[in-house]
Protein backbone atom coordinates (compact mmCIF):
# COMPACT_ATOMS: atom_id res chain seq x y z
CA MET A 1 -11.52 -14.11 13.19
CA LYS A 2 -9.00 -12.66 10.76
CA THR A 3 -10.62 -12.23 7.38
CA GLN A 4 -8.32 -13.67 4.66
CA ILE A 5 -8.43 -12.10 1.16
CA SER A 6 -5.42 -14.29 -0.47
CA LYS A 7 -2.45 -16.91 0.97
CA ASN A 8 -0.71 -13.91 2.64
CA PHE A 9 -2.82 -10.60 3.93
CA THR A 10 -6.14 -10.89 5.73
CA LEU A 11 -8.35 -7.42 5.21
CA GLU A 12 -7.84 -6.59 9.10
CA GLU A 13 -3.77 -5.85 8.04
CA LEU A 14 -4.60 -3.49 5.39
CA CYS A 15 -7.11 -1.82 7.40
CA HIS A 16 -5.41 -1.82 11.36
CA SER A 17 -3.28 2.17 11.97
CA ASN A 18 -2.06 2.53 14.95
CA THR A 19 -3.29 5.89 14.88
CA ALA A 20 -6.41 5.19 14.57
CA ILE A 21 -6.24 3.22 17.95
CA ALA A 22 -4.38 5.68 19.29
CA GLN A 23 -7.11 8.52 19.02
CA GLY A 24 -10.24 6.72 18.76
CA ILE A 25 -10.57 6.73 15.01
CA ASP A 26 -13.26 4.69 13.36
CA ASN A 27 -11.30 2.80 10.73
CA ILE A 28 -13.50 0.57 9.13
CA PRO A 29 -13.63 0.65 5.51
CA ASN A 30 -16.95 -0.02 3.36
CA SER A 31 -18.18 -2.55 1.13
CA THR A 32 -16.46 -0.48 -1.80
CA GLN A 33 -13.54 0.15 -0.09
CA ILE A 34 -13.50 -3.45 0.55
CA ILE A 35 -13.98 -4.49 -2.94
CA HIS A 36 -10.95 -2.33 -3.95
CA LEU A 37 -8.51 -3.77 -0.84
CA LYS A 38 -9.32 -7.36 -2.17
CA LYS A 39 -8.67 -5.90 -6.22
CA LEU A 40 -5.37 -4.39 -4.72
CA VAL A 41 -4.27 -7.70 -2.72
CA THR A 42 -5.24 -10.12 -5.91
CA ASN A 43 -3.83 -7.64 -8.51
CA LEU A 44 -0.66 -6.12 -7.02
CA LEU A 45 0.19 -7.20 -3.53
CA GLN A 46 -0.60 -10.56 -3.46
CA PRO A 47 1.26 -11.71 -6.71
CA LEU A 48 4.11 -9.55 -6.47
CA ARG A 49 4.76 -11.08 -2.94
CA ASP A 50 4.47 -14.82 -4.93
CA MET A 51 7.90 -13.10 -6.78
CA TRP A 52 9.67 -11.76 -4.28
CA GLY A 53 9.60 -14.69 -2.14
CA GLU A 54 9.61 -12.79 0.49
CA PRO A 55 7.18 -11.42 3.64
CA MET A 56 5.96 -7.81 2.94
CA ILE A 57 4.40 -5.91 6.36
CA ILE A 58 1.50 -3.86 5.64
CA HIS A 59 2.65 -0.43 7.04
CA SER A 60 -0.24 1.25 6.17
CA GLY A 61 -2.99 0.19 4.03
CA PHE A 62 -6.76 1.68 3.94
CA ARG A 63 -7.47 4.81 5.83
CA SER A 64 -10.89 6.79 7.29
CA GLU A 65 -11.06 9.90 6.06
CA GLU A 66 -10.35 10.66 9.47
CA THR A 67 -7.39 8.83 10.14
CA ASN A 68 -5.60 10.08 7.06
CA ARG A 69 -5.93 13.71 8.26
CA ALA A 70 -4.35 12.17 11.73
CA VAL A 71 -0.99 10.49 10.24
CA GLY A 72 -0.84 13.82 7.33
CA GLY A 73 -1.92 12.06 4.08
CA VAL A 74 -2.86 13.89 0.99
CA VAL A 75 -6.35 15.23 0.20
CA ASN A 76 -6.59 13.23 -2.32
CA SER A 77 -4.73 9.84 -1.08
CA GLN A 78 -5.77 6.23 -2.52
CA HIS A 79 -5.41 5.02 0.88
CA LYS A 80 -8.73 6.50 1.53
CA GLU A 81 -10.77 4.42 -1.58
CA GLY A 82 -8.71 1.04 -0.44
CA LYS A 83 -6.63 1.39 -3.68
CA ALA A 84 -2.88 1.72 -2.25
CA ALA A 85 -0.34 -0.21 0.98
CA ASP A 86 2.51 1.09 1.91
CA VAL A 87 4.39 -2.37 1.92
CA ARG A 88 8.31 -2.34 4.63
CA VAL A 89 10.46 -5.36 3.18
CA ASN A 90 14.23 -5.25 3.92
CA ASN A 91 14.64 -3.23 0.17
CA PRO A 92 12.12 -1.49 -1.04
CA ARG A 93 14.53 -0.04 -3.46
CA LYS A 94 14.81 -3.48 -5.20
CA LEU A 95 11.02 -4.23 -5.03
CA GLN A 96 9.93 -1.42 -6.99
CA GLN A 97 12.66 -2.75 -9.84
CA GLU A 98 10.60 -6.20 -9.36
CA LEU A 99 7.84 -4.37 -9.96
CA ILE A 100 9.09 -2.88 -12.52
CA ASN A 101 10.22 -5.17 -14.71
CA SER A 102 7.18 -7.22 -14.17
CA TYR A 103 4.03 -8.12 -16.15
CA LEU A 104 2.07 -6.47 -13.04
CA GLU A 105 -0.98 -4.02 -13.28
CA TRP A 106 0.15 -1.07 -11.27
CA ASP A 107 -0.67 3.23 -10.44
CA GLN A 108 2.24 3.98 -8.46
CA SER A 109 4.75 2.81 -6.97
CA ILE A 110 6.43 5.12 -4.00
CA LEU A 111 9.72 4.90 -2.95
CA TYR A 112 10.24 6.14 0.31
CA ASP A 113 14.26 6.05 1.05
CA ASP A 114 14.88 9.63 2.49
CA GLY A 115 16.42 8.86 5.42
CA ARG A 116 12.91 9.23 7.77
CA ASN A 117 10.86 6.71 6.02
CA TYR A 118 12.15 3.61 4.33
CA PHE A 119 8.57 2.19 2.18
CA LEU A 120 7.41 1.22 -1.05
CA HIS A 121 3.90 2.70 -1.48
CA LEU A 122 1.87 0.33 -3.95
CA SER A 123 -1.66 1.64 -5.74
CA TYR A 124 -4.01 -0.26 -7.63
CA ASN A 125 -6.94 1.56 -9.75
CA GLU A 126 -8.38 -0.80 -12.45
CA GLY A 127 -8.75 0.21 -15.46
CA GLN A 128 -6.95 3.54 -14.96
CA ASN A 129 -3.34 2.25 -13.96
CA ARG A 130 -0.76 4.73 -15.19
CA LYS A 131 2.71 2.86 -13.79
CA GLN A 132 3.96 5.49 -12.27
CA VAL A 133 7.79 5.28 -10.32
CA LEU A 134 7.81 7.89 -8.38
CA PHE A 135 10.37 8.91 -5.34
CA SER A 136 9.70 10.72 -2.12
CA LYS A 137 11.09 14.01 -1.49
CA GLY A 138 14.42 13.82 -0.29
CA THR A 139 14.44 10.24 -2.08
CA VAL A 140 17.32 10.12 -3.99
CA ALA A 141 15.62 8.27 -7.86
CA THR A 142 18.92 5.62 -8.34
CA LYS A 143 21.97 4.62 -5.52
């Protein structure tokens, strides 16, 4: 049974990790991490999805410490706290611009468009949102 957080997002999709499954890693969030995931969805992902009007596929959401290590995530990754998700859409560059032009609060928006990766990292950190617009190494700021 799926745990619906909002109209378009479930807890299960935010916690799914092919790497964790393949390596037998427990990738289950605790109660605090679940609260953060719910805030991420209700304050950022779902409102942005509603504005966008097209599906946003969760590429990577919550990561346990072990999962984060296995995927090569940074030590201070907000994914480990349940405060971040990487989303795939047809045009992540355009989605980032939609976010920038919106009324929404967010902490980081990192565009990955480096020839190998093509997605948008989004994070929400209640009360401490910095509205940082960043680009991964190898990603050109504007095209």
